[in-house]
N, C-alpha and C. Protein backbone atom coordinates (compact mmCIF):
# COMPACT_ATOMS: atom_id res chain seq x y z
N MET A 1 4.24 -76.82 73.13
CA MET A 1 4.01 -75.53 72.53
C MET A 1 4.86 -74.51 73.28
N ALA A 2 5.46 -73.62 72.55
CA ALA A 2 6.35 -72.61 73.11
C ALA A 2 5.52 -71.48 73.72
N SER A 3 6.04 -70.91 74.84
CA SER A 3 5.32 -69.80 75.47
C SER A 3 5.54 -68.53 74.66
N PRO A 4 4.57 -67.64 74.73
CA PRO A 4 4.72 -66.40 73.96
C PRO A 4 5.86 -65.56 74.50
N PRO A 5 6.51 -64.74 73.69
CA PRO A 5 7.61 -63.90 74.18
C PRO A 5 7.12 -62.91 75.23
N VAL A 6 8.07 -62.44 76.07
CA VAL A 6 7.75 -61.54 77.18
C VAL A 6 7.13 -60.24 76.68
N THR A 7 7.50 -59.77 75.54
CA THR A 7 6.98 -58.50 75.03
C THR A 7 5.52 -58.59 74.66
N ASP A 8 5.01 -59.79 74.49
CA ASP A 8 3.60 -59.94 74.13
C ASP A 8 2.69 -59.92 75.35
N ARG A 9 3.25 -59.99 76.52
CA ARG A 9 2.43 -60.06 77.73
C ARG A 9 2.13 -58.67 78.27
N SER A 10 1.31 -58.61 79.33
CA SER A 10 0.93 -57.33 79.93
C SER A 10 1.99 -56.78 80.87
N TRP A 11 3.10 -57.48 81.09
CA TRP A 11 4.14 -57.05 82.00
C TRP A 11 5.11 -56.07 81.34
N ILE A 12 4.91 -55.74 80.18
CA ILE A 12 5.86 -54.92 79.44
C ILE A 12 5.97 -53.50 79.97
N ASP A 13 4.92 -52.96 80.59
CA ASP A 13 4.96 -51.57 81.05
C ASP A 13 5.52 -51.42 82.46
N ILE A 14 5.96 -52.48 83.13
CA ILE A 14 6.58 -52.38 84.46
C ILE A 14 8.04 -52.00 84.27
N VAL A 15 8.43 -50.93 84.95
CA VAL A 15 9.78 -50.40 84.83
C VAL A 15 10.61 -50.91 86.02
N PRO A 16 11.79 -51.46 85.78
CA PRO A 16 12.61 -51.92 86.90
C PRO A 16 13.12 -50.72 87.71
N PRO A 17 13.36 -50.93 89.02
CA PRO A 17 13.83 -49.81 89.85
C PRO A 17 15.24 -49.38 89.46
N ASP A 18 15.53 -48.12 89.79
CA ASP A 18 16.86 -47.59 89.52
C ASP A 18 17.87 -48.25 90.44
N ALA A 19 19.07 -48.35 89.97
CA ALA A 19 20.16 -48.90 90.78
C ALA A 19 20.48 -47.92 91.91
N PRO A 20 20.87 -48.41 93.09
CA PRO A 20 21.21 -47.50 94.18
C PRO A 20 22.40 -46.62 93.80
N ALA A 21 22.38 -45.43 94.38
CA ALA A 21 23.45 -44.47 94.08
C ALA A 21 24.77 -45.00 94.64
N GLN A 22 25.81 -44.82 93.92
CA GLN A 22 27.13 -45.25 94.34
C GLN A 22 27.79 -44.13 95.13
N VAL A 23 28.42 -44.49 96.24
CA VAL A 23 29.17 -43.52 97.01
C VAL A 23 30.53 -43.39 96.36
N SER A 24 30.74 -42.23 95.80
CA SER A 24 31.98 -42.07 95.05
C SER A 24 33.08 -41.41 95.88
N ASP A 25 32.71 -40.85 97.02
CA ASP A 25 33.71 -40.16 97.82
C ASP A 25 34.15 -41.05 98.99
N PRO A 26 35.35 -41.62 98.95
CA PRO A 26 35.80 -42.48 100.05
C PRO A 26 35.98 -41.72 101.36
N LEU A 27 36.18 -40.41 101.28
CA LEU A 27 36.31 -39.61 102.49
C LEU A 27 35.00 -39.58 103.27
N THR A 28 33.88 -39.56 102.57
CA THR A 28 32.58 -39.58 103.22
C THR A 28 32.37 -40.91 103.94
N VAL A 29 32.74 -41.98 103.29
CA VAL A 29 32.59 -43.30 103.90
C VAL A 29 33.50 -43.41 105.13
N ALA A 30 34.73 -42.98 105.01
CA ALA A 30 35.66 -43.05 106.13
C ALA A 30 35.18 -42.17 107.29
N GLY A 31 34.67 -41.00 106.97
CA GLY A 31 34.14 -40.11 108.01
C GLY A 31 32.96 -40.73 108.73
N GLY A 32 32.09 -41.38 108.00
CA GLY A 32 30.95 -42.05 108.62
C GLY A 32 31.36 -43.18 109.53
N ILE A 33 32.37 -43.94 109.10
CA ILE A 33 32.84 -45.04 109.93
C ILE A 33 33.51 -44.52 111.20
N VAL A 34 34.29 -43.46 111.06
CA VAL A 34 34.95 -42.86 112.24
C VAL A 34 33.90 -42.30 113.20
N LEU A 35 32.88 -41.64 112.68
CA LEU A 35 31.83 -41.08 113.53
C LEU A 35 31.09 -42.18 114.26
N LEU A 36 30.77 -43.25 113.56
CA LEU A 36 30.10 -44.38 114.20
C LEU A 36 30.97 -44.99 115.29
N GLY A 37 32.26 -45.12 115.02
CA GLY A 37 33.17 -45.65 116.03
C GLY A 37 33.25 -44.77 117.26
N LEU A 38 33.31 -43.46 117.05
CA LEU A 38 33.35 -42.54 118.20
C LEU A 38 32.07 -42.61 119.02
N LEU A 39 30.94 -42.72 118.37
CA LEU A 39 29.68 -42.84 119.10
C LEU A 39 29.63 -44.14 119.91
N LEU A 40 30.12 -45.22 119.35
CA LEU A 40 30.14 -46.48 120.09
C LEU A 40 31.07 -46.42 121.30
N VAL A 41 32.24 -45.81 121.12
CA VAL A 41 33.18 -45.68 122.24
C VAL A 41 32.59 -44.77 123.32
N LEU A 42 31.96 -43.69 122.94
CA LEU A 42 31.36 -42.79 123.91
C LEU A 42 30.24 -43.48 124.68
N ALA A 43 29.40 -44.22 123.99
CA ALA A 43 28.33 -44.96 124.67
C ALA A 43 28.91 -45.99 125.63
N TRP A 44 29.96 -46.67 125.21
CA TRP A 44 30.58 -47.67 126.08
C TRP A 44 31.17 -47.01 127.33
N LEU A 45 31.82 -45.87 127.15
CA LEU A 45 32.41 -45.18 128.30
C LEU A 45 31.35 -44.68 129.26
N LEU A 46 30.25 -44.18 128.73
CA LEU A 46 29.19 -43.69 129.60
C LEU A 46 28.55 -44.82 130.39
N LEU A 47 28.44 -45.98 129.79
CA LEU A 47 27.84 -47.10 130.50
C LEU A 47 28.80 -47.71 131.51
N ARG A 48 30.06 -47.52 131.33
CA ARG A 48 31.06 -48.13 132.20
C ARG A 48 31.63 -47.17 133.24
N ARG A 49 31.12 -45.98 133.32
CA ARG A 49 31.63 -45.07 134.33
C ARG A 49 31.42 -45.68 135.71
N PRO A 50 32.39 -45.56 136.58
CA PRO A 50 32.29 -46.22 137.88
C PRO A 50 31.06 -45.80 138.69
N ARG A 51 30.75 -44.54 138.67
CA ARG A 51 29.61 -44.08 139.45
C ARG A 51 28.29 -44.63 138.92
N GLN A 52 28.16 -44.63 137.60
CA GLN A 52 26.93 -45.15 137.00
C GLN A 52 26.79 -46.65 137.27
N ARG A 53 27.89 -47.36 137.15
CA ARG A 53 27.85 -48.79 137.42
C ARG A 53 27.49 -49.05 138.88
N ALA A 54 28.05 -48.26 139.80
CA ALA A 54 27.74 -48.44 141.22
C ALA A 54 26.27 -48.13 141.49
N ARG A 55 25.75 -47.09 140.85
CA ARG A 55 24.33 -46.76 141.07
C ARG A 55 23.42 -47.86 140.52
N ARG A 56 23.78 -48.45 139.38
CA ARG A 56 22.98 -49.56 138.85
C ARG A 56 23.01 -50.75 139.81
N THR A 57 24.19 -51.02 140.36
CA THR A 57 24.31 -52.14 141.30
C THR A 57 23.50 -51.87 142.56
N LEU A 58 23.51 -50.64 143.05
CA LEU A 58 22.72 -50.31 144.23
C LEU A 58 21.22 -50.44 143.95
N ARG A 59 20.80 -50.04 142.75
CA ARG A 59 19.38 -50.22 142.40
C ARG A 59 19.02 -51.70 142.40
N ARG A 60 19.91 -52.53 141.87
CA ARG A 60 19.65 -53.96 141.85
C ARG A 60 19.59 -54.52 143.27
N ILE A 61 20.51 -54.10 144.13
CA ILE A 61 20.51 -54.57 145.52
C ILE A 61 19.21 -54.17 146.19
N HIS A 62 18.80 -52.92 146.00
CA HIS A 62 17.57 -52.43 146.64
C HIS A 62 16.36 -53.22 146.14
N ARG A 63 16.34 -53.54 144.86
CA ARG A 63 15.20 -54.26 144.28
C ARG A 63 15.16 -55.70 144.77
N GLU A 64 16.31 -56.35 144.89
CA GLU A 64 16.36 -57.76 145.24
C GLU A 64 16.45 -58.03 146.73
N LEU A 65 16.59 -57.01 147.54
CA LEU A 65 16.84 -57.20 148.96
C LEU A 65 15.73 -57.93 149.71
N PRO A 66 14.45 -57.63 149.51
CA PRO A 66 13.43 -58.31 150.31
C PRO A 66 13.43 -59.83 150.15
N GLY A 67 13.70 -60.36 148.97
CA GLY A 67 13.69 -61.80 148.77
C GLY A 67 15.07 -62.39 148.60
N SER A 68 16.08 -61.67 149.01
CA SER A 68 17.46 -62.09 148.77
C SER A 68 17.83 -63.29 149.64
N ALA A 69 18.51 -64.23 149.03
CA ALA A 69 18.99 -65.40 149.76
C ALA A 69 20.38 -65.16 150.34
N THR A 70 21.06 -64.11 149.90
CA THR A 70 22.43 -63.87 150.37
C THR A 70 22.46 -63.30 151.78
N GLY A 71 21.42 -62.66 152.21
CA GLY A 71 21.39 -62.10 153.55
C GLY A 71 21.69 -60.62 153.56
N THR A 72 21.24 -59.99 154.62
CA THR A 72 21.37 -58.53 154.70
C THR A 72 22.81 -58.11 154.98
N ARG A 73 23.54 -58.91 155.74
CA ARG A 73 24.93 -58.53 156.03
C ARG A 73 25.76 -58.54 154.75
N ALA A 74 25.59 -59.54 153.91
CA ALA A 74 26.32 -59.61 152.64
C ALA A 74 25.92 -58.44 151.74
N ALA A 75 24.64 -58.09 151.77
CA ALA A 75 24.18 -56.95 150.98
C ALA A 75 24.81 -55.66 151.50
N GLY A 76 25.00 -55.56 152.82
CA GLY A 76 25.67 -54.39 153.38
C GLY A 76 27.10 -54.27 152.87
N PHE A 77 27.79 -55.39 152.80
CA PHE A 77 29.15 -55.37 152.26
C PHE A 77 29.14 -55.01 150.77
N GLN A 78 28.11 -55.45 150.03
CA GLN A 78 28.00 -55.07 148.63
C GLN A 78 27.81 -53.57 148.49
N VAL A 79 27.01 -52.98 149.36
CA VAL A 79 26.80 -51.53 149.34
C VAL A 79 28.13 -50.82 149.59
N ARG A 80 28.87 -51.32 150.54
CA ARG A 80 30.17 -50.73 150.85
C ARG A 80 31.12 -50.81 149.65
N ARG A 81 31.16 -51.97 148.97
CA ARG A 81 32.00 -52.13 147.78
C ARG A 81 31.55 -51.19 146.66
N CYS A 82 30.24 -51.03 146.49
CA CYS A 82 29.73 -50.13 145.44
C CYS A 82 30.15 -48.69 145.71
N LEU A 83 30.08 -48.27 146.95
CA LEU A 83 30.49 -46.90 147.28
C LEU A 83 31.98 -46.70 147.03
N ARG A 84 32.78 -47.68 147.43
CA ARG A 84 34.23 -47.55 147.20
C ARG A 84 34.53 -47.47 145.71
N ALA A 85 33.86 -48.31 144.91
CA ALA A 85 34.10 -48.30 143.46
C ALA A 85 33.55 -47.02 142.84
N GLY A 86 32.39 -46.57 143.28
CA GLY A 86 31.78 -45.38 142.70
C GLY A 86 32.56 -44.12 142.98
N PHE A 87 33.12 -44.02 144.18
CA PHE A 87 33.91 -42.84 144.52
C PHE A 87 35.37 -43.01 144.14
N GLY A 88 35.78 -44.22 143.79
CA GLY A 88 37.17 -44.45 143.41
C GLY A 88 38.12 -44.28 144.57
N HIS A 89 37.67 -44.65 145.76
CA HIS A 89 38.47 -44.47 146.96
C HIS A 89 38.30 -45.71 147.83
N HIS A 90 39.38 -46.25 148.33
CA HIS A 90 39.30 -47.50 149.07
C HIS A 90 38.73 -47.31 150.48
N ARG A 91 39.12 -46.25 151.14
CA ARG A 91 38.63 -46.03 152.51
C ARG A 91 37.58 -44.93 152.51
N LEU A 92 36.35 -45.34 152.75
CA LEU A 92 35.25 -44.37 152.76
C LEU A 92 35.40 -43.38 153.91
N GLU A 93 36.03 -43.82 154.98
CA GLU A 93 36.18 -42.94 156.15
C GLU A 93 37.07 -41.74 155.85
N ASP A 94 37.94 -41.85 154.84
CA ASP A 94 38.85 -40.75 154.50
C ASP A 94 38.20 -39.71 153.59
N LEU A 95 37.05 -40.02 153.03
CA LEU A 95 36.39 -39.05 152.13
C LEU A 95 35.81 -37.91 152.95
N ASP A 96 35.88 -36.73 152.38
CA ASP A 96 35.36 -35.54 153.07
C ASP A 96 34.37 -34.83 152.15
N PRO A 97 33.08 -34.84 152.49
CA PRO A 97 32.09 -34.20 151.63
C PRO A 97 32.01 -32.69 151.79
N GLY A 98 32.82 -32.13 152.61
CA GLY A 98 32.78 -30.69 152.86
C GLY A 98 32.15 -30.43 154.22
N SER A 99 32.34 -29.23 154.71
CA SER A 99 31.89 -28.91 156.06
C SER A 99 30.37 -28.95 156.20
N ASP A 100 29.63 -28.70 155.11
CA ASP A 100 28.18 -28.69 155.19
C ASP A 100 27.59 -30.08 155.43
N HIS A 101 28.24 -31.11 154.94
CA HIS A 101 27.67 -32.46 154.99
C HIS A 101 28.52 -33.44 155.78
N ARG A 102 29.51 -32.96 156.49
CA ARG A 102 30.44 -33.86 157.18
C ARG A 102 29.73 -34.72 158.22
N GLU A 103 28.87 -34.11 159.02
CA GLU A 103 28.16 -34.87 160.07
C GLU A 103 27.21 -35.89 159.47
N GLN A 104 26.53 -35.54 158.38
CA GLN A 104 25.63 -36.48 157.72
C GLN A 104 26.41 -37.66 157.14
N TRP A 105 27.57 -37.39 156.57
CA TRP A 105 28.40 -38.44 156.01
C TRP A 105 28.88 -39.40 157.10
N ARG A 106 29.32 -38.84 158.23
CA ARG A 106 29.77 -39.69 159.35
C ARG A 106 28.62 -40.54 159.89
N ALA A 107 27.43 -39.95 160.02
CA ALA A 107 26.27 -40.71 160.50
C ALA A 107 25.91 -41.83 159.52
N PHE A 108 25.99 -41.54 158.23
CA PHE A 108 25.71 -42.56 157.23
C PHE A 108 26.72 -43.69 157.32
N LEU A 109 28.00 -43.36 157.45
CA LEU A 109 29.02 -44.40 157.56
C LEU A 109 28.83 -45.23 158.82
N ASP A 110 28.36 -44.61 159.92
CA ASP A 110 28.08 -45.38 161.14
C ASP A 110 26.95 -46.38 160.90
N ARG A 111 25.87 -45.93 160.22
CA ARG A 111 24.75 -46.83 159.93
C ARG A 111 25.20 -47.97 159.00
N LEU A 112 26.01 -47.64 158.01
CA LEU A 112 26.51 -48.66 157.09
C LEU A 112 27.42 -49.65 157.83
N GLY A 113 28.26 -49.15 158.72
CA GLY A 113 29.12 -50.02 159.51
C GLY A 113 28.33 -50.94 160.42
N ARG A 114 27.24 -50.44 161.01
CA ARG A 114 26.39 -51.29 161.84
C ARG A 114 25.74 -52.39 161.00
N CYS A 115 25.37 -52.06 159.76
CA CYS A 115 24.77 -53.08 158.88
C CYS A 115 25.78 -54.17 158.53
N CYS A 116 27.03 -53.81 158.43
CA CYS A 116 28.05 -54.78 158.03
C CYS A 116 28.64 -55.54 159.20
N PHE A 117 28.85 -54.88 160.34
CA PHE A 117 29.68 -55.46 161.39
C PHE A 117 28.97 -55.70 162.71
N SER A 118 27.68 -55.48 162.81
CA SER A 118 26.99 -55.72 164.08
C SER A 118 26.84 -57.21 164.32
N ALA A 119 26.63 -57.57 165.60
CA ALA A 119 26.50 -58.98 165.95
C ALA A 119 25.23 -59.58 165.33
N GLN A 120 24.17 -58.84 165.32
CA GLN A 120 22.92 -59.29 164.72
C GLN A 120 22.81 -58.73 163.31
N PRO A 121 22.38 -59.53 162.35
CA PRO A 121 22.20 -59.00 160.99
C PRO A 121 21.14 -57.90 160.99
N PRO A 122 21.31 -56.88 160.17
CA PRO A 122 20.35 -55.77 160.17
C PRO A 122 19.00 -56.19 159.57
N ALA A 123 17.98 -55.45 159.92
CA ALA A 123 16.66 -55.68 159.35
C ALA A 123 16.67 -55.24 157.89
N VAL A 124 15.80 -55.82 157.11
CA VAL A 124 15.73 -55.49 155.68
C VAL A 124 15.38 -54.02 155.49
N GLU A 125 14.46 -53.51 156.30
CA GLU A 125 14.05 -52.11 156.17
C GLU A 125 15.20 -51.16 156.46
N GLU A 126 16.00 -51.50 157.48
CA GLU A 126 17.14 -50.66 157.83
C GLU A 126 18.16 -50.64 156.69
N LEU A 127 18.42 -51.81 156.12
CA LEU A 127 19.39 -51.87 155.02
C LEU A 127 18.85 -51.18 153.77
N GLN A 128 17.56 -51.27 153.51
CA GLN A 128 16.99 -50.57 152.36
C GLN A 128 17.14 -49.06 152.52
N ALA A 129 16.99 -48.57 153.74
CA ALA A 129 17.19 -47.14 153.97
C ALA A 129 18.64 -46.75 153.72
N VAL A 130 19.57 -47.61 154.14
CA VAL A 130 20.99 -47.33 153.91
C VAL A 130 21.30 -47.35 152.41
N VAL A 131 20.70 -48.28 151.67
CA VAL A 131 20.93 -48.35 150.23
C VAL A 131 20.40 -47.09 149.55
N ARG A 132 19.21 -46.64 149.94
CA ARG A 132 18.66 -45.40 149.36
C ARG A 132 19.57 -44.21 149.65
N GLU A 133 20.09 -44.15 150.85
CA GLU A 133 20.99 -43.05 151.19
C GLU A 133 22.30 -43.15 150.42
N ALA A 134 22.78 -44.37 150.22
CA ALA A 134 24.00 -44.55 149.42
C ALA A 134 23.77 -44.08 147.99
N GLN A 135 22.60 -44.33 147.45
CA GLN A 135 22.27 -43.85 146.10
C GLN A 135 22.29 -42.32 146.07
N GLN A 136 21.77 -41.71 147.12
CA GLN A 136 21.78 -40.24 147.17
C GLN A 136 23.21 -39.71 147.25
N TRP A 137 24.06 -40.35 148.04
CA TRP A 137 25.44 -39.88 148.14
C TRP A 137 26.16 -40.03 146.81
N LEU A 138 25.89 -41.12 146.09
CA LEU A 138 26.54 -41.30 144.78
C LEU A 138 26.03 -40.29 143.77
N GLY A 139 24.82 -39.83 143.95
CA GLY A 139 24.25 -38.88 142.99
C GLY A 139 24.64 -37.44 143.24
N ARG A 140 25.28 -37.17 144.37
CA ARG A 140 25.65 -35.78 144.70
C ARG A 140 26.80 -35.29 143.85
N ARG A 141 26.76 -34.02 143.54
CA ARG A 141 27.85 -33.35 142.83
C ARG A 141 28.26 -32.16 143.69
N PRO A 142 29.46 -31.98 144.03
CA PRO A 142 30.59 -32.87 143.84
C PRO A 142 30.55 -34.02 144.84
N ALA A 143 31.26 -35.04 144.53
CA ALA A 143 31.32 -36.21 145.39
C ALA A 143 32.17 -35.90 146.61
N PRO A 144 31.91 -36.62 147.69
CA PRO A 144 32.82 -36.45 148.84
C PRO A 144 34.22 -36.88 148.44
N GLY A 145 35.17 -36.21 148.98
CA GLY A 145 36.54 -36.59 148.66
C GLY A 145 37.22 -35.45 148.13
């Protein structure tokens, strides 16, 4: 037996949805694509800035330091590398933070040097204090140098 036609059923009063609107202006589409591209490039640049990357690495070092298998001396060298990359300067000793902070900067570099080059590896607490201070130096505006 044949099924009854669709018009005889109760589904007849359901209206299909309207078709989506067509974008007729190619300039609008191109502008949207360019804007999206610029936003992606800007986000990428902000995430890859040397100072931000160095601060993220220092946060990771500080977080992982108590249970780290690499040792405190290696972590000290990582802090030193992060500062050099963050400030964009190879020799930290040549940076000058200005007359107001010169003595503090020299004292910090001495503590960092002791963490890296002393005969005995530094204590975890001492290195954590140096990492916190390195984060503060990276966060200062203007940077030393």
